Amino acid sequence: MGHTRIYQITLAVLLIIQSAAPQPCRTGQFRCNDGKCIEIYQRCDYRQDCNGGEDEEGCSSPKRCDAVREFRCNNGRCVPLSARCNRKYDCDDESDERNCPCKSDDFHCANGYCIPPHQKCDGLRHCQDGSDELNCSNTSTCRYYQFQCSDGTCIDQMLKCNKQPDCPDRSDEIGCIDCQKDQFRCNNGSCISISKRCDGVSDCPHSEDEESCASCTNNEKRCTNGECINLSKVCDGIKDCSDGSDELHCNDATTLATFPWHASSEEPCFENEWLCFDKIQCIPAHKRCDKTYDCRDSSDEFNCYCPPSPASIIKIQIGSGNITLLFSKV
């Protein structure tokens, strides 16, 4: 009986040790001191990815950015050139938004930044130096996210043109335009294409088309209302987006091509990933030939052939030794 008890205790200890042992990182990854695995390209990229910061230790020379496709932050980090002056801070030191050309109606911060005019004197500091809140009058007006009724009452902008009078004088329902199903309504009642919702560019006067936008992962699709769902749920007959946008235009979907898919145990990529020519970086398979350079060596856009009509990939299916691309006509 005693031997059985000792055996059980020994087995339990071994199981604990085994579960606590760090799991090996796959090829193309860097192991942090705490056992966390990060992608090898995150090593020496001027951003701390390991909890202890060891991925940025022992870096010999500053990383060179691709002058054609990348912008070099002041701290040496490289970001896509499209991130330059897009009104979002992509560099850790925010240098990608400095000295940007302002729009004609923009407010110029004292430090060189530009902000939309409605953010001036709205009670919130948008300029780093706070210059947007200087010399503001104390006149009682509605905030930028509110609509002022004809009688002076302030209501939320989202209540304007909602087919229900919220102003005491019903002025919030005057001059409203009915937007189409493929359009997004701005808070001022104007309509913009639904494709401009959460595209990183402010199209509504108060930028509400870029509000409440979730940060979708590479394996997710953004719904028109900003939600994120898994790519596998697009056009599967079930409305996973609360607005049902994942099931729109599915009748136009066409299985355009099927290619051989040879998986190798030596390849460092997971299923549904594509290995760049440098044999190190892995990108989501749906980003192959999407007219955007995702590989650092740009190899994801090599040898791409255009479909017979304008189309975009909406779904990728991998199985039975083949990879099938499902396209949606534009």
C-alpha atoms as a PDB file:
ATOM      1  CA  MET A   1       0.000   0.000   0.000  1.00  0.00           C
ATOM      2  CA  GLY A   2       2.893   2.318   0.873  1.00  0.00           C
ATOM      3  CA  HIS A   3       4.624   1.652  -2.451  1.00  0.00           C
ATOM      4  CA  THR A   4       1.439   2.490  -4.336  1.00  0.00           C
ATOM      5  CA  ARG A   5       1.178   5.817  -2.533  1.00  0.00           C
ATOM      6  CA  ILE A   6       4.817   6.696  -3.311  1.00  0.00           C
ATOM      7  CA  TYR A   7       4.261   5.779  -6.965  1.00  0.00           C
ATOM      8  CA  GLN A   8       1.209   8.052  -7.173  1.00  0.00           C
ATOM      9  CA  ILE A   9       3.083  10.982  -5.623  1.00  0.00           C
ATOM     10  CA  THR A  10       6.086  10.459  -7.917  1.00  0.00           C
ATOM     11  CA  LEU A  11       3.835  10.312 -10.984  1.00  0.00           C
ATOM     12  CA  ALA A  12       2.038  13.495  -9.939  1.00  0.00           C
ATOM     13  CA  VAL A  13       5.354  15.336  -9.472  1.00  0.00           C
ATOM     14  CA  LEU A  14       6.572  14.193 -12.897  1.00  0.00           C
ATOM     15  CA  LEU A  15       3.355  15.375 -14.533  1.00  0.00           C
ATOM     16  CA  ILE A  16       3.687  18.771 -12.844  1.00  0.00           C
ATOM     17  CA  ILE A  17       7.302  19.101 -13.992  1.00  0.00           C
ATOM     18  CA  GLN A  18       6.359  18.090 -17.529  1.00  0.00           C
ATOM     19  CA  SER A  19       3.495  20.581 -17.723  1.00  0.00           C
ATOM     20  CA  ALA A  20       5.706  23.343 -16.344  1.00  0.00           C
ATOM     21  CA  ALA A  21       8.505  22.660 -18.812  1.00  0.00           C
ATOM     22  CA  PRO A  22       8.660  25.239 -21.608  1.00  0.00           C
ATOM     23  CA  GLN A  23       7.202  24.059 -24.894  1.00  0.00           C
ATOM     24  CA  PRO A  24       9.523  24.230 -27.912  1.00  0.00           C
ATOM     25  CA  CYS A  25       8.999  27.116 -30.340  1.00  0.00           C
ATOM     26  CA  ARG A  26       8.514  26.220 -33.981  1.00  0.00           C
ATOM     27  CA  THR A  27      10.994  27.053 -36.701  1.00  0.00           C
ATOM     28  CA  GLY A  28      11.009  30.765 -37.483  1.00  0.00           C
ATOM     29  CA  GLN A  29      10.267  31.814 -33.912  1.00  0.00           C
ATOM     30  CA  PHE A  30      12.298  33.327 -31.050  1.00  0.00           C
ATOM     31  CA  ARG A  31      11.976  32.050 -27.472  1.00  0.00           C
ATOM     32  CA  CYS A  32      11.662  34.613 -24.692  1.00  0.00           C
ATOM     33  CA  ASN A  33      13.211  33.892 -21.302  1.00  0.00           C
ATOM     34  CA  ASP A  34       9.800  33.038 -19.855  1.00  0.00           C
ATOM     35  CA  GLY A  35       9.119  30.491 -22.617  1.00  0.00           C
ATOM     36  CA  LYS A  36       6.901  32.738 -24.717  1.00  0.00           C
ATOM     37  CA  CYS A  37       7.363  32.303 -28.475  1.00  0.00           C
ATOM     38  CA  ILE A  38       7.354  35.278 -30.839  1.00  0.00           C
ATOM     39  CA  GLU A  39       7.920  35.491 -34.595  1.00  0.00           C
ATOM     40  CA  ILE A  40      11.574  35.833 -35.591  1.00  0.00           C
ATOM     41  CA  TYR A  41      10.874  39.082 -37.438  1.00  0.00           C
ATOM     42  CA  GLN A  42       9.800  40.604 -34.112  1.00  0.00           C
ATOM     43  CA  ARG A  43      13.372  40.239 -32.909  1.00  0.00           C
ATOM     44  CA  CYS A  44      15.217  43.595 -32.933  1.00  0.00           C
ATOM     45  CA  ASP A  45      12.240  45.481 -34.386  1.00  0.00           C
ATOM     46  CA  TYR A  46      12.427  48.264 -31.769  1.00  0.00           C
ATOM     47  CA  ARG A  47       9.295  47.010 -30.041  1.00  0.00           C
ATOM     48  CA  GLN A  48       9.352  44.956 -26.844  1.00  0.00           C
ATOM     49  CA  ASP A  49       7.460  41.727 -27.508  1.00  0.00           C
ATOM     50  CA  CYS A  50       8.989  39.555 -24.764  1.00  0.00           C
ATOM     51  CA  ASN A  51       7.822  40.442 -21.268  1.00  0.00           C
ATOM     52  CA  GLY A  52      11.437  40.949 -20.190  1.00  0.00           C
ATOM     53  CA  GLY A  53      12.460  42.794 -23.334  1.00  0.00           C
ATOM     54  CA  GLU A  54      15.131  40.258 -24.279  1.00  0.00           C
ATOM     55  CA  ASP A  55      13.971  40.276 -27.912  1.00  0.00           C
ATOM     56  CA  GLU A  56      15.532  43.750 -28.186  1.00  0.00           C
ATOM     57  CA  GLU A  57      18.823  42.878 -26.470  1.00  0.00           C
ATOM     58  CA  GLY A  58      22.088  42.265 -28.324  1.00  0.00           C
ATOM     59  CA  CYS A  59      20.862  43.889 -31.526  1.00  0.00           C
ATOM     60  CA  SER A  60      23.937  44.863 -33.522  1.00  0.00           C
ATOM     61  CA  SER A  61      22.990  47.463 -36.112  1.00  0.00           C
ATOM     62  CA  PRO A  62      19.836  49.545 -36.677  1.00  0.00           C
ATOM     63  CA  LYS A  63      17.260  47.833 -38.867  1.00  0.00           C
ATOM     64  CA  ARG A  64      16.961  49.196 -42.383  1.00  0.00           C
ATOM     65  CA  CYS A  65      13.498  50.058 -43.626  1.00  0.00           C
ATOM     66  CA  ASP A  66      12.380  49.508 -47.189  1.00  0.00           C
ATOM     67  CA  ALA A  67      12.479  53.051 -48.589  1.00  0.00           C
ATOM     68  CA  VAL A  68       9.746  52.233 -51.112  1.00  0.00           C
ATOM     69  CA  ARG A  69       7.230  50.489 -48.858  1.00  0.00           C
ATOM     70  CA  GLU A  70       8.119  51.464 -45.281  1.00  0.00           C
ATOM     71  CA  PHE A  71       8.466  54.551 -43.086  1.00  0.00           C
ATOM     72  CA  ARG A  72      11.222  54.676 -40.494  1.00  0.00           C
ATOM     73  CA  CYS A  73      10.080  55.902 -37.082  1.00  0.00           C
ATOM     74  CA  ASN A  74      12.403  58.140 -35.094  1.00  0.00           C
ATOM     75  CA  ASN A  75      13.162  55.209 -32.792  1.00  0.00           C
ATOM     76  CA  GLY A  76      14.225  53.066 -35.759  1.00  0.00           C
ATOM     77  CA  ARG A  77      11.116  50.916 -36.074  1.00  0.00           C
ATOM     78  CA  CYS A  78       9.675  50.319 -39.552  1.00  0.00           C
ATOM     79  CA  VAL A  79       5.963  50.698 -40.294  1.00  0.00           C
ATOM     80  CA  PRO A  80       4.096  50.450 -43.634  1.00  0.00           C
ATOM     81  CA  LEU A  81       4.356  53.632 -45.691  1.00  0.00           C
ATOM     82  CA  SER A  82       0.552  53.781 -45.737  1.00  0.00           C
ATOM     83  CA  ALA A  83       0.673  54.396 -41.965  1.00  0.00           C
ATOM     84  CA  ARG A  84       2.356  57.759 -42.533  1.00  0.00           C
ATOM     85  CA  CYS A  85      -0.012  60.680 -41.869  1.00  0.00           C
ATOM     86  CA  ASN A  86      -3.146  58.522 -41.547  1.00  0.00           C
ATOM     87  CA  ARG A  87      -4.218  60.268 -38.315  1.00  0.00           C
ATOM     88  CA  LYS A  88      -3.367  57.157 -36.295  1.00  0.00           C
ATOM     89  CA  TYR A  89      -0.218  56.634 -34.228  1.00  0.00           C
ATOM     90  CA  ASP A  90       1.555  53.564 -35.622  1.00  0.00           C
ATOM     91  CA  CYS A  91       5.078  54.435 -34.428  1.00  0.00           C
ATOM     92  CA  ASP A  92       5.620  53.962 -30.693  1.00  0.00           C
ATOM     93  CA  ASP A  93       7.097  57.476 -30.592  1.00  0.00           C
ATOM     94  CA  GLU A  94       4.207  58.828 -32.731  1.00  0.00           C
ATOM     95  CA  SER A  95       6.684  60.221 -35.279  1.00  0.00           C
ATOM     96  CA  ASP A  96       4.573  58.918 -38.200  1.00  0.00           C
ATOM     97  CA  GLU A  97       2.052  61.704 -37.565  1.00  0.00           C
ATOM     98  CA  ARG A  98       4.489  64.612 -37.279  1.00  0.00           C
ATOM     99  CA  ASN A  99       4.879  67.350 -39.894  1.00  0.00           C
ATOM    100  CA  CYS A 100       1.980  66.000 -41.943  1.00  0.00           C
ATOM    101  CA  PRO A 101       0.237  68.220 -44.486  1.00  0.00           C
ATOM    102  CA  CYS A 102      -2.975  69.510 -42.976  1.00  0.00           C
ATOM    103  CA  LYS A 103      -6.310  69.717 -44.712  1.00  0.00           C
ATOM    104  CA  SER A 104      -7.620  73.188 -45.460  1.00  0.00           C
ATOM    105  CA  ASP A 105      -9.994  73.182 -42.483  1.00  0.00           C
ATOM    106  CA  ASP A 106      -7.729  71.304 -40.041  1.00  0.00           C
ATOM    107  CA  PHE A 107      -6.490  72.819 -36.795  1.00  0.00           C
ATOM    108  CA  HIS A 108      -2.698  73.097 -36.525  1.00  0.00           C
ATOM    109  CA  CYS A 109      -1.379  72.046 -33.130  1.00  0.00           C
ATOM    110  CA  ALA A 110       1.571  74.074 -31.841  1.00  0.00           C
ATOM    111  CA  ASN A 111       3.842  71.000 -32.127  1.00  0.00           C
ATOM    112  CA  GLY A 112       3.130  70.415 -35.817  1.00  0.00           C
ATOM    113  CA  TYR A 113       0.294  67.897 -35.605  1.00  0.00           C
ATOM    114  CA  CYS A 114      -3.054  68.339 -37.354  1.00  0.00           C
ATOM    115  CA  ILE A 115      -6.468  67.446 -35.971  1.00  0.00           C
ATOM    116  CA  PRO A 116      -9.981  67.654 -37.483  1.00  0.00           C
ATOM    117  CA  PRO A 117     -11.630  71.033 -36.842  1.00  0.00           C
ATOM    118  CA  HIS A 118     -14.426  69.604 -34.699  1.00  0.00           C
ATOM    119  CA  GLN A 119     -11.856  68.485 -32.104  1.00  0.00           C
ATOM    120  CA  LYS A 120     -10.876  72.094 -31.393  1.00  0.00           C
ATOM    121  CA  CYS A 121     -12.287  73.321 -28.054  1.00  0.00           C
ATOM    122  CA  ASP A 122     -14.370  70.184 -27.476  1.00  0.00           C
ATOM    123  CA  GLY A 123     -13.186  69.807 -23.886  1.00  0.00           C
ATOM    124  CA  LEU A 124     -10.807  66.956 -24.750  1.00  0.00           C
ATOM    125  CA  ARG A 125      -7.065  67.296 -25.387  1.00  0.00           C
ATOM    126  CA  HIS A 126      -6.254  65.919 -28.844  1.00  0.00           C
ATOM    127  CA  CYS A 127      -3.002  67.830 -29.454  1.00  0.00           C
ATOM    128  CA  GLN A 128      -0.160  66.426 -27.358  1.00  0.00           C
ATOM    129  CA  ASP A 129       0.661  69.946 -26.195  1.00  0.00           C
ATOM    130  CA  GLY A 130      -2.971  70.736 -25.417  1.00  0.00           C
ATOM    131  CA  SER A 131      -2.998  73.715 -27.785  1.00  0.00           C
ATOM    132  CA  ASP A 132      -6.402  72.667 -29.173  1.00  0.00           C
ATOM    133  CA  GLU A 133      -7.996  73.588 -25.844  1.00  0.00           C
ATOM    134  CA  LEU A 134      -6.335  77.006 -25.458  1.00  0.00           C
ATOM    135  CA  ASN A 135      -8.182  80.307 -25.946  1.00  0.00           C
ATOM    136  CA  CYS A 136     -11.559  78.586 -25.964  1.00  0.00           C
ATOM    137  CA  SER A 137     -14.640  80.585 -25.063  1.00  0.00           C
ATOM    138  CA  ASN A 138     -16.882  79.380 -22.269  1.00  0.00           C
ATOM    139  CA  THR A 139     -19.987  79.655 -24.449  1.00  0.00           C
ATOM    140  CA  SER A 140     -22.339  76.812 -23.651  1.00  0.00           C
ATOM    141  CA  THR A 141     -22.682  74.776 -26.864  1.00  0.00           C
ATOM    142  CA  CYS A 142     -23.276  71.141 -27.679  1.00  0.00           C
ATOM    143  CA  ARG A 143     -20.264  68.832 -27.742  1.00  0.00           C
ATOM    144  CA  TYR A 144     -18.936  67.509 -31.048  1.00  0.00           C
ATOM    145  CA  TYR A 145     -20.730  64.192 -30.512  1.00  0.00           C
ATOM    146  CA  GLN A 146     -24.060  65.923 -29.926  1.00  0.00           C
ATOM    147  CA  PHE A 147     -26.704  67.482 -32.172  1.00  0.00           C
ATOM    148  CA  GLN A 148     -28.118  70.869 -31.273  1.00  0.00           C
ATOM    149  CA  CYS A 149     -31.855  71.103 -31.686  1.00  0.00           C
ATOM    150  CA  SER A 150     -33.400  74.295 -33.033  1.00  0.00           C
ATOM    151  CA  ASP A 151     -34.472  75.222 -29.497  1.00  0.00           C
ATOM    152  CA  GLY A 152     -30.892  74.816 -28.197  1.00  0.00           C
ATOM    153  CA  THR A 153     -31.343  71.382 -26.620  1.00  0.00           C
ATOM    154  CA  CYS A 154     -28.401  68.982 -27.045  1.00  0.00           C
ATOM    155  CA  ILE A 155     -28.998  65.328 -27.925  1.00  0.00           C
ATOM    156  CA  ASP A 156     -26.656  62.530 -28.973  1.00  0.00           C
ATOM    157  CA  GLN A 157     -25.735  62.654 -32.679  1.00  0.00           C
ATOM    158  CA  MET A 158     -26.754  58.992 -33.004  1.00  0.00           C
ATOM    159  CA  LEU A 159     -30.351  60.055 -32.337  1.00  0.00           C
ATOM    160  CA  LYS A 160     -30.478  62.347 -35.367  1.00  0.00           C
ATOM    161  CA  CYS A 161     -32.494  60.982 -38.284  1.00  0.00           C
ATOM    162  CA  ASN A 162     -33.410  57.758 -36.466  1.00  0.00           C
ATOM    163  CA  LYS A 163     -37.065  58.187 -37.526  1.00  0.00           C
ATOM    164  CA  GLN A 164     -38.021  59.028 -33.937  1.00  0.00           C
ATOM    165  CA  PRO A 165     -38.206  62.679 -32.774  1.00  0.00           C
ATOM    166  CA  ASP A 166     -35.860  63.203 -29.816  1.00  0.00           C
ATOM    167  CA  CYS A 167     -35.675  67.017 -29.854  1.00  0.00           C
ATOM    168  CA  PRO A 168     -38.618  68.719 -28.126  1.00  0.00           C
ATOM    169  CA  ASP A 169     -39.203  70.627 -31.392  1.00  0.00           C
ATOM    170  CA  ARG A 170     -38.650  67.506 -33.553  1.00  0.00           C
ATOM    171  CA  SER A 171     -35.875  69.309 -35.469  1.00  0.00           C
ATOM    172  CA  ASP A 172     -33.649  66.199 -35.348  1.00  0.00           C
ATOM    173  CA  GLU A 173     -35.882  64.552 -37.958  1.00  0.00           C
ATOM    174  CA  ILE A 174     -35.960  67.461 -40.429  1.00  0.00           C
ATOM    175  CA  GLY A 175     -34.017  67.235 -43.706  1.00  0.00           C
ATOM    176  CA  CYS A 176     -33.095  63.572 -43.229  1.00  0.00           C
ATOM    177  CA  ILE A 177     -31.944  61.440 -46.153  1.00  0.00           C
ATOM    178  CA  ASP A 178     -32.673  57.723 -46.277  1.00  0.00           C
ATOM    179  CA  CYS A 179     -29.372  55.886 -46.796  1.00  0.00           C
ATOM    180  CA  GLN A 180     -29.292  52.761 -48.948  1.00  0.00           C
ATOM    181  CA  LYS A 181     -28.481  49.317 -47.520  1.00  0.00           C
ATOM    182  CA  ASP A 182     -24.940  49.565 -48.877  1.00  0.00           C
ATOM    183  CA  GLN A 183     -24.382  52.960 -47.238  1.00  0.00           C
ATOM    184  CA  PHE A 184     -23.411  54.190 -43.758  1.00  0.00           C
ATOM    185  CA  ARG A 185     -25.168  57.158 -42.181  1.00  0.00           C
ATOM    186  CA  CYS A 186     -22.948  59.842 -40.659  1.00  0.00           C
ATOM    187  CA  ASN A 187     -24.156  61.651 -37.556  1.00  0.00           C
ATOM    188  CA  ASN A 188     -25.043  64.714 -39.634  1.00  0.00           C
ATOM    189  CA  GLY A 189     -27.401  62.612 -41.761  1.00  0.00           C
ATOM    190  CA  SER A 190     -25.163  62.327 -44.827  1.00  0.00           C
ATOM    191  CA  CYS A 191     -24.566  58.921 -46.441  1.00  0.00           C
ATOM    192  CA  ILE A 192     -21.250  57.357 -47.433  1.00  0.00           C
ATOM    193  CA  SER A 193     -20.437  54.005 -49.007  1.00  0.00           C
ATOM    194  CA  ILE A 194     -20.436  51.161 -46.473  1.00  0.00           C
ATOM    195  CA  SER A 195     -16.995  50.182 -47.794  1.00  0.00           C
ATOM    196  CA  LYS A 196     -15.625  53.377 -46.209  1.00  0.00           C
ATOM    197  CA  ARG A 197     -16.696  52.217 -42.746  1.00  0.00           C
ATOM    198  CA  CYS A 198     -13.627  51.331 -40.623  1.00  0.00           C
ATOM    199  CA  ASP A 199     -11.186  51.747 -43.514  1.00  0.00           C
ATOM    200  CA  GLY A 200      -8.780  53.938 -41.543  1.00  0.00           C
ATOM    201  CA  VAL A 201      -9.850  57.170 -43.275  1.00  0.00           C
ATOM    202  CA  SER A 202     -12.332  59.649 -41.793  1.00  0.00           C
ATOM    203  CA  ASP A 203     -15.112  60.242 -44.323  1.00  0.00           C
ATOM    204  CA  CYS A 204     -17.849  61.563 -42.018  1.00  0.00           C
ATOM    205  CA  PRO A 205     -17.416  65.173 -40.793  1.00  0.00           C
ATOM    206  CA  HIS A 206     -16.942  63.979 -37.210  1.00  0.00           C
ATOM    207  CA  SER A 207     -15.076  60.739 -38.047  1.00  0.00           C
ATOM    208  CA  GLU A 208     -17.866  58.535 -36.685  1.00  0.00           C
ATOM    209  CA  ASP A 209     -17.297  56.106 -39.565  1.00  0.00           C
ATOM    210  CA  GLU A 210     -14.021  55.188 -37.822  1.00  0.00           C
ATOM    211  CA  GLU A 211     -15.459  54.828 -34.311  1.00  0.00           C
ATOM    212  CA  SER A 212     -16.118  51.509 -32.519  1.00  0.00           C
ATOM    213  CA  CYS A 213     -13.982  49.660 -35.056  1.00  0.00           C
ATOM    214  CA  ALA A 214     -12.636  46.413 -33.654  1.00  0.00           C
ATOM    215  CA  SER A 215      -9.051  45.423 -34.452  1.00  0.00           C
ATOM    216  CA  CYS A 216      -9.554  42.277 -36.528  1.00  0.00           C
ATOM    217  CA  THR A 217      -6.862  39.618 -36.766  1.00  0.00           C
ATOM    218  CA  ASN A 218      -5.448  38.240 -40.003  1.00  0.00           C
ATOM    219  CA  ASN A 219      -7.872  35.297 -39.874  1.00  0.00           C
ATOM    220  CA  GLU A 220     -10.926  37.503 -39.398  1.00  0.00           C
ATOM    221  CA  LYS A 221     -13.216  39.612 -41.597  1.00  0.00           C
ATOM    222  CA  ARG A 222     -14.559  42.961 -40.483  1.00  0.00           C
ATOM    223  CA  CYS A 223     -18.335  43.297 -40.582  1.00  0.00           C
ATOM    224  CA  THR A 224     -19.721  46.555 -41.943  1.00  0.00           C
ATOM    225  CA  ASN A 225     -20.662  47.562 -38.396  1.00  0.00           C
ATOM    226  CA  GLY A 226     -17.071  47.082 -37.195  1.00  0.00           C
ATOM    227  CA  GLU A 227     -17.419  43.642 -35.615  1.00  0.00           C
ATOM    228  CA  CYS A 228     -14.922  40.875 -36.391  1.00  0.00           C
ATOM    229  CA  ILE A 229     -15.776  37.294 -37.335  1.00  0.00           C
ATOM    230  CA  ASN A 230     -13.670  34.334 -38.434  1.00  0.00           C
ATOM    231  CA  LEU A 231     -13.091  34.129 -42.194  1.00  0.00           C
ATOM    232  CA  SER A 232     -14.563  30.625 -42.216  1.00  0.00           C
ATOM    233  CA  LYS A 233     -17.948  32.091 -41.248  1.00  0.00           C
ATOM    234  CA  VAL A 234     -18.239  34.287 -44.348  1.00  0.00           C
ATOM    235  CA  CYS A 235     -21.008  33.121 -46.703  1.00  0.00           C
ATOM    236  CA  ASP A 236     -21.720  29.989 -44.664  1.00  0.00           C
ATOM    237  CA  GLY A 237     -25.487  30.570 -44.627  1.00  0.00           C
ATOM    238  CA  ILE A 238     -25.496  31.845 -41.042  1.00  0.00           C
ATOM    239  CA  LYS A 239     -25.570  35.532 -40.088  1.00  0.00           C
ATOM    240  CA  ASP A 240     -22.611  35.858 -37.716  1.00  0.00           C
ATOM    241  CA  CYS A 241     -22.314  39.651 -38.071  1.00  0.00           C
ATOM    242  CA  SER A 242     -25.146  41.289 -36.143  1.00  0.00           C
ATOM    243  CA  ASP A 243     -25.867  43.362 -39.269  1.00  0.00           C
ATOM    244  CA  GLY A 244     -25.784  40.262 -41.496  1.00  0.00           C
ATOM    245  CA  SER A 245     -23.063  41.709 -43.741  1.00  0.00           C
ATOM    246  CA  ASP A 246     -21.130  38.408 -43.758  1.00  0.00           C
ATOM    247  CA  GLU A 247     -23.915  36.891 -45.868  1.00  0.00           C
ATOM    248  CA  LEU A 248     -24.290  39.718 -48.394  1.00  0.00           C
ATOM    249  CA  HIS A 249     -23.284  39.309 -52.060  1.00  0.00           C
ATOM    250  CA  CYS A 250     -22.762  35.584 -51.551  1.00  0.00           C
ATOM    251  CA  ASN A 251     -24.720  34.734 -54.700  1.00  0.00           C
ATOM    252  CA  ASP A 252     -21.958  36.395 -56.697  1.00  0.00           C
ATOM    253  CA  ALA A 253     -19.320  34.165 -55.115  1.00  0.00           C
ATOM    254  CA  THR A 254     -17.481  31.910 -57.493  1.00  0.00           C
ATOM    255  CA  THR A 255     -14.931  29.190 -56.903  1.00  0.00           C
ATOM    256  CA  LEU A 256     -12.353  30.641 -59.235  1.00  0.00           C
ATOM    257  CA  ALA A 257      -9.375  28.365 -58.823  1.00  0.00           C
ATOM    258  CA  THR A 258      -8.073  25.342 -57.002  1.00  0.00           C
ATOM    259  CA  PHE A 259      -4.345  24.843 -56.534  1.00  0.00           C
ATOM    260  CA  PRO A 260      -2.271  21.918 -55.225  1.00  0.00           C
ATOM    261  CA  TRP A 261      -1.369  22.339 -51.577  1.00  0.00           C
ATOM    262  CA  HIS A 262       1.681  20.437 -50.387  1.00  0.00           C
ATOM    263  CA  ALA A 263       2.172  20.586 -46.657  1.00  0.00           C
ATOM    264  CA  SER A 264       5.604  19.819 -45.252  1.00  0.00           C
ATOM    265  CA  SER A 265       6.427  19.051 -41.657  1.00  0.00           C
ATOM    266  CA  GLU A 266       9.607  21.078 -42.119  1.00  0.00           C
ATOM    267  CA  GLU A 267       7.771  24.264 -43.071  1.00  0.00           C
ATOM    268  CA  PRO A 268       7.489  26.725 -40.172  1.00  0.00           C
ATOM    269  CA  CYS A 269       3.982  27.873 -41.056  1.00  0.00           C
ATOM    270  CA  PHE A 270       0.670  26.716 -39.666  1.00  0.00           C
ATOM    271  CA  GLU A 271      -2.279  25.570 -41.759  1.00  0.00           C
ATOM    272  CA  ASN A 272      -3.913  28.502 -43.598  1.00  0.00           C
ATOM    273  CA  GLU A 273      -0.533  30.290 -43.709  1.00  0.00           C
ATOM    274  CA  TRP A 274       1.826  30.980 -46.620  1.00  0.00           C
ATOM    275  CA  LEU A 275       5.617  30.922 -46.316  1.00  0.00           C
ATOM    276  CA  CYS A 276       7.432  33.923 -47.780  1.00  0.00           C
ATOM    277  CA  PHE A 277      10.448  33.323 -50.001  1.00  0.00           C
ATOM    278  CA  ASP A 278      12.795  34.196 -47.128  1.00  0.00           C
ATOM    279  CA  LYS A 279      11.685  30.894 -45.513  1.00  0.00           C
ATOM    280  CA  ILE A 280      11.206  32.725 -42.210  1.00  0.00           C
ATOM    281  CA  GLN A 281       8.099  34.885 -42.299  1.00  0.00           C
ATOM    282  CA  CYS A 282       4.615  33.374 -42.432  1.00  0.00           C
ATOM    283  CA  ILE A 283       1.554  35.345 -43.519  1.00  0.00           C
ATOM    284  CA  PRO A 284      -2.157  34.372 -43.638  1.00  0.00           C
ATOM    285  CA  ALA A 285      -2.851  32.488 -46.866  1.00  0.00           C
ATOM    286  CA  HIS A 286      -5.627  34.909 -47.865  1.00  0.00           C
ATOM    287  CA  LYS A 287      -3.066  37.729 -48.075  1.00  0.00           C
ATOM    288  CA  ARG A 288      -1.291  36.026 -50.974  1.00  0.00           C
ATOM    289  CA  CYS A 289      -1.836  38.049 -54.176  1.00  0.00           C
ATOM    290  CA  ASP A 290      -4.096  40.651 -52.526  1.00  0.00           C
ATOM    291  CA  LYS A 291      -2.179  43.572 -54.108  1.00  0.00           C
ATOM    292  CA  THR A 292      -0.649  44.469 -50.725  1.00  0.00           C
ATOM    293  CA  TYR A 293       2.910  43.620 -49.741  1.00  0.00           C
ATOM    294  CA  ASP A 294       2.733  41.601 -46.521  1.00  0.00           C
ATOM    295  CA  CYS A 295       6.027  39.702 -46.793  1.00  0.00           C
ATOM    296  CA  ARG A 296       9.103  41.773 -46.020  1.00  0.00           C
ATOM    297  CA  ASP A 297      10.595  40.525 -49.296  1.00  0.00           C
ATOM    298  CA  SER A 298       7.321  41.260 -51.182  1.00  0.00           C
ATOM    299  CA  SER A 299       7.220  37.657 -52.402  1.00  0.00           C
ATOM    300  CA  ASP A 300       3.498  37.317 -51.602  1.00  0.00           C
ATOM    301  CA  GLU A 301       2.783  39.437 -54.687  1.00  0.00           C
ATOM    302  CA  PHE A 302       5.092  37.545 -57.089  1.00  0.00           C
ATOM    303  CA  ASN A 303       3.648  35.465 -59.960  1.00  0.00           C
ATOM    304  CA  CYS A 304       0.092  36.629 -59.354  1.00  0.00           C
ATOM    305  CA  TYR A 305      -2.468  36.294 -62.117  1.00  0.00           C
ATOM    306  CA  CYS A 306      -5.542  38.475 -62.413  1.00  0.00           C
ATOM    307  CA  PRO A 307      -8.975  36.788 -62.528  1.00  0.00           C
ATOM    308  CA  PRO A 308     -11.071  37.314 -65.680  1.00  0.00           C
ATOM    309  CA  SER A 309     -13.155  39.983 -63.919  1.00  0.00           C
ATOM    310  CA  PRO A 310     -12.557  42.232 -60.897  1.00  0.00           C
ATOM    311  CA  ALA A 311     -12.913  40.119 -57.776  1.00  0.00           C
ATOM    312  CA  SER A 312     -11.778  39.822 -54.202  1.00  0.00           C
ATOM    313  CA  ILE A 313     -11.025  36.739 -52.121  1.00  0.00           C
ATOM    314  CA  ILE A 314     -13.640  36.241 -49.445  1.00  0.00           C
ATOM    315  CA  LYS A 315     -12.945  32.676 -48.350  1.00  0.00           C
ATOM    316  CA  ILE A 316     -10.155  30.104 -48.448  1.00  0.00           C
ATOM    317  CA  GLN A 317     -10.719  26.386 -47.980  1.00  0.00           C
ATOM    318  CA  ILE A 318      -7.807  24.007 -47.458  1.00  0.00           C
ATOM    319  CA  GLY A 319      -8.238  20.276 -47.520  1.00  0.00           C
ATOM    320  CA  SER A 320      -7.868  17.038 -49.487  1.00  0.00           C
ATOM    321  CA  GLY A 321      -4.500  18.186 -50.763  1.00  0.00           C
ATOM    322  CA  ASN A 322      -5.923  21.306 -52.420  1.00  0.00           C
ATOM    323  CA  ILE A 323      -6.396  24.978 -51.585  1.00  0.00           C
ATOM    324  CA  THR A 324      -9.610  26.488 -52.967  1.00  0.00           C
ATOM    325  CA  LEU A 325     -10.050  30.241 -53.357  1.00  0.00           C
ATOM    326  CA  LEU A 326     -13.598  31.588 -53.227  1.00  0.00           C
ATOM    327  CA  PHE A 327     -13.919  34.971 -54.936  1.00  0.00           C
ATOM    328  CA  SER A 328     -16.654  37.576 -54.818  1.00  0.00           C
ATOM    329  CA  LYS A 329     -17.316  39.790 -57.829  1.00  0.00           C
ATOM    330  CA  VAL A 330     -16.935  43.505 -57.223  1.00  0.00           C
END
